[in-house]
Protein backbone atom coordinates (compact mmCIF):
# COMPACT_ATOMS: atom_id res chain seq x y z
CA MET A 1 1.00 136.81 -70.09
CA ASP A 2 -2.57 137.24 -71.16
CA GLY A 3 -3.94 134.55 -68.89
CA SER A 4 -6.45 134.57 -66.12
CA PRO A 5 -5.32 134.67 -62.48
CA THR A 6 -5.72 130.88 -62.36
CA GLU A 7 -3.42 130.41 -65.36
CA ILE A 8 -0.84 132.78 -63.87
CA VAL A 9 -0.81 130.89 -60.56
CA LEU A 10 -0.55 127.58 -62.42
CA VAL A 11 2.36 128.73 -64.58
CA MET A 12 4.24 130.22 -61.63
CA THR A 13 3.63 127.06 -59.59
CA VAL A 14 4.90 124.76 -62.34
CA PHE A 15 7.96 126.93 -62.95
CA SER A 16 8.69 127.13 -59.21
CA MET A 17 8.61 123.34 -58.99
CA LEU A 18 10.84 123.08 -62.06
CA ILE A 19 13.32 125.54 -60.54
CA THR A 20 13.42 123.46 -57.36
CA LYS A 21 14.21 120.25 -59.20
CA VAL A 22 16.79 121.85 -61.52
CA VAL A 23 18.67 123.38 -58.58
CA ASP A 24 18.51 120.06 -56.70
CA LEU A 25 19.88 118.29 -59.77
CA LEU A 26 22.71 120.81 -60.11
CA ARG A 27 23.53 120.51 -56.42
CA ASN A 28 23.62 116.73 -56.67
CA ILE A 29 25.81 116.76 -59.79
CA VAL A 30 28.28 119.56 -59.06
CA GLY A 31 27.86 119.92 -55.30
CA PRO A 32 30.25 117.12 -54.35
CA VAL A 33 32.89 118.56 -56.68
CA ILE A 34 32.60 122.29 -55.97
CA GLY A 35 30.84 122.08 -52.60
CA PRO A 36 33.94 122.75 -50.51
CA TYR A 37 34.82 125.79 -52.65
CA VAL A 38 31.53 127.69 -52.80
CA PRO A 39 29.70 129.23 -49.85
CA LYS A 40 26.38 127.76 -48.77
CA TRP A 41 24.46 130.89 -49.74
CA THR A 42 25.22 130.05 -53.39
CA TRP A 43 22.60 127.32 -53.28
CA ASN A 44 20.11 129.82 -51.84
CA ALA A 45 20.82 132.34 -54.60
CA ALA A 46 20.76 129.77 -57.42
CA PRO A 47 16.93 129.47 -57.54
CA LEU A 48 16.58 133.25 -57.68
CA GLY A 49 19.00 133.51 -60.60
CA LEU A 50 17.43 130.57 -62.39
CA GLY A 51 13.96 132.04 -61.82
CA ILE A 52 14.99 135.36 -63.34
CA ALA A 53 16.63 133.61 -66.30
CA MET A 54 13.56 131.46 -66.93
CA ALA A 55 11.13 134.38 -66.63
CA ILE A 56 13.14 136.43 -69.12
CA ALA A 57 13.69 133.50 -71.51
CA TRP A 58 10.00 132.55 -71.57
CA ARG A 59 8.80 136.18 -71.24
CA ILE A 60 6.76 135.43 -68.14
CA ASN A 61 5.46 138.56 -66.44
CA ALA A 62 2.83 137.97 -63.78
CA LEU A 63 2.44 141.71 -63.20
CA ASP A 64 1.54 142.91 -66.68
CA ASN A 65 -2.21 142.28 -66.29
CA TYR A 66 -2.32 144.01 -62.93
CA SER A 67 -0.57 147.28 -63.68
CA ASP A 68 -1.04 150.38 -65.78
CA PRO A 69 0.10 149.95 -69.41
CA THR A 70 2.72 152.65 -68.86
CA SER A 71 4.04 151.08 -65.66
CA VAL A 72 7.68 150.08 -65.33
CA VAL A 73 6.63 146.49 -64.56
CA GLN A 74 5.31 146.00 -68.10
CA GLY A 75 8.74 145.10 -69.46
CA VAL A 76 11.84 143.27 -68.35
CA PHE A 77 11.62 144.65 -64.81
CA GLY A 78 8.29 142.85 -64.38
CA GLN A 79 9.89 139.66 -65.68
CA VAL A 80 12.74 140.05 -63.19
CA LEU A 81 10.26 140.49 -60.33
CA THR A 82 8.29 137.47 -61.56
CA GLY A 83 11.50 135.43 -61.69
CA LEU A 84 12.39 136.46 -58.15
CA ALA A 85 8.92 135.40 -57.02
CA MET A 86 9.22 132.03 -58.75
CA GLY A 87 12.71 131.43 -57.37
CA GLY A 88 11.66 132.50 -53.89
CA THR A 89 8.61 130.26 -53.78
CA SER A 90 10.65 127.34 -55.06
CA SER A 91 12.17 126.97 -51.58
CA GLY A 92 8.71 126.13 -50.25
CA TYR A 93 8.36 123.39 -52.83
CA HIS A 94 11.85 122.17 -51.93
CA GLU A 95 10.71 121.76 -48.31
CA LEU A 96 7.46 120.08 -49.40
CA PHE A 97 9.33 117.60 -51.60
CA ASP A 98 11.73 116.84 -48.73
CA VAL A 99 8.81 116.03 -46.43
CA LEU A 100 7.17 113.84 -49.07
CA SER A 101 10.47 112.06 -49.74
CA SER A 102 11.16 111.39 -46.07
CA THR A 103 7.59 110.15 -45.60
CA ALA A 104 8.01 107.75 -48.51
CA LYS A 105 11.32 106.49 -47.10
CA ARG A 106 9.72 105.89 -43.70
CA ALA A 107 6.88 104.02 -45.36
CA ARG A 108 9.32 101.92 -47.35
CA TYR A 109 11.61 101.02 -44.46
CA GLY A 110 8.98 100.80 -41.75
CA ILE A 111 8.15 103.08 -38.85
CA GLY A 112 11.74 103.64 -37.77
CA ALA A 113 14.41 105.45 -39.70
CA PRO A 114 15.95 103.73 -42.71
CA PRO A 115 19.14 101.75 -42.15
CA ALA A 116 22.17 104.01 -41.87
CA ASP A 117 23.78 102.54 -44.97
CA ALA A 118 20.60 102.85 -47.07
CA VAL A 119 20.51 106.63 -47.33
CA LYS A 120 23.52 108.94 -47.32
CA PRO A 121 23.08 112.71 -47.34
CA VAL A 122 24.34 114.64 -50.32
CA GLY A 123 27.98 115.50 -49.83
CA ALA A 124 28.50 112.83 -47.16
CA GLU A 125 31.83 111.92 -48.70
CA ASN A 126 33.05 115.50 -48.30
CA MET A 127 31.88 115.60 -44.70
CA GLU A 128 33.81 112.40 -43.93
CA ARG A 129 36.98 113.92 -45.41
CA LYS A 130 36.65 117.04 -43.29
CA GLU A 131 36.28 115.00 -40.09
CA ARG A 132 39.60 113.26 -40.66
């Protein structure tokens, strides 16, 4: 990246948000099917892997402007570290989006919680099967 610090922060922020939504989409699509078969930590590792893949695919390296030209972080290793940073910060955006979503639901349904049948958590069907 040849951008200014502002551009680097903007790119990493946008990619972190994108990682959050892609992992959420994957969890919503395949989670009910494979959820019982994969450990929970898989969904924590998914953003890190996706962040690394995206940083390498788009050649995003937030460290190249801040290191010596002969430094090891000038190449793929810097992209891997950038991907880890983007994937790691995506969890913060995940929490932010959850708060915004729950605030919008409260505003839509009034001050109290939404009706029990209006919103079901992801994987609720699997949880009901386990209780039986």
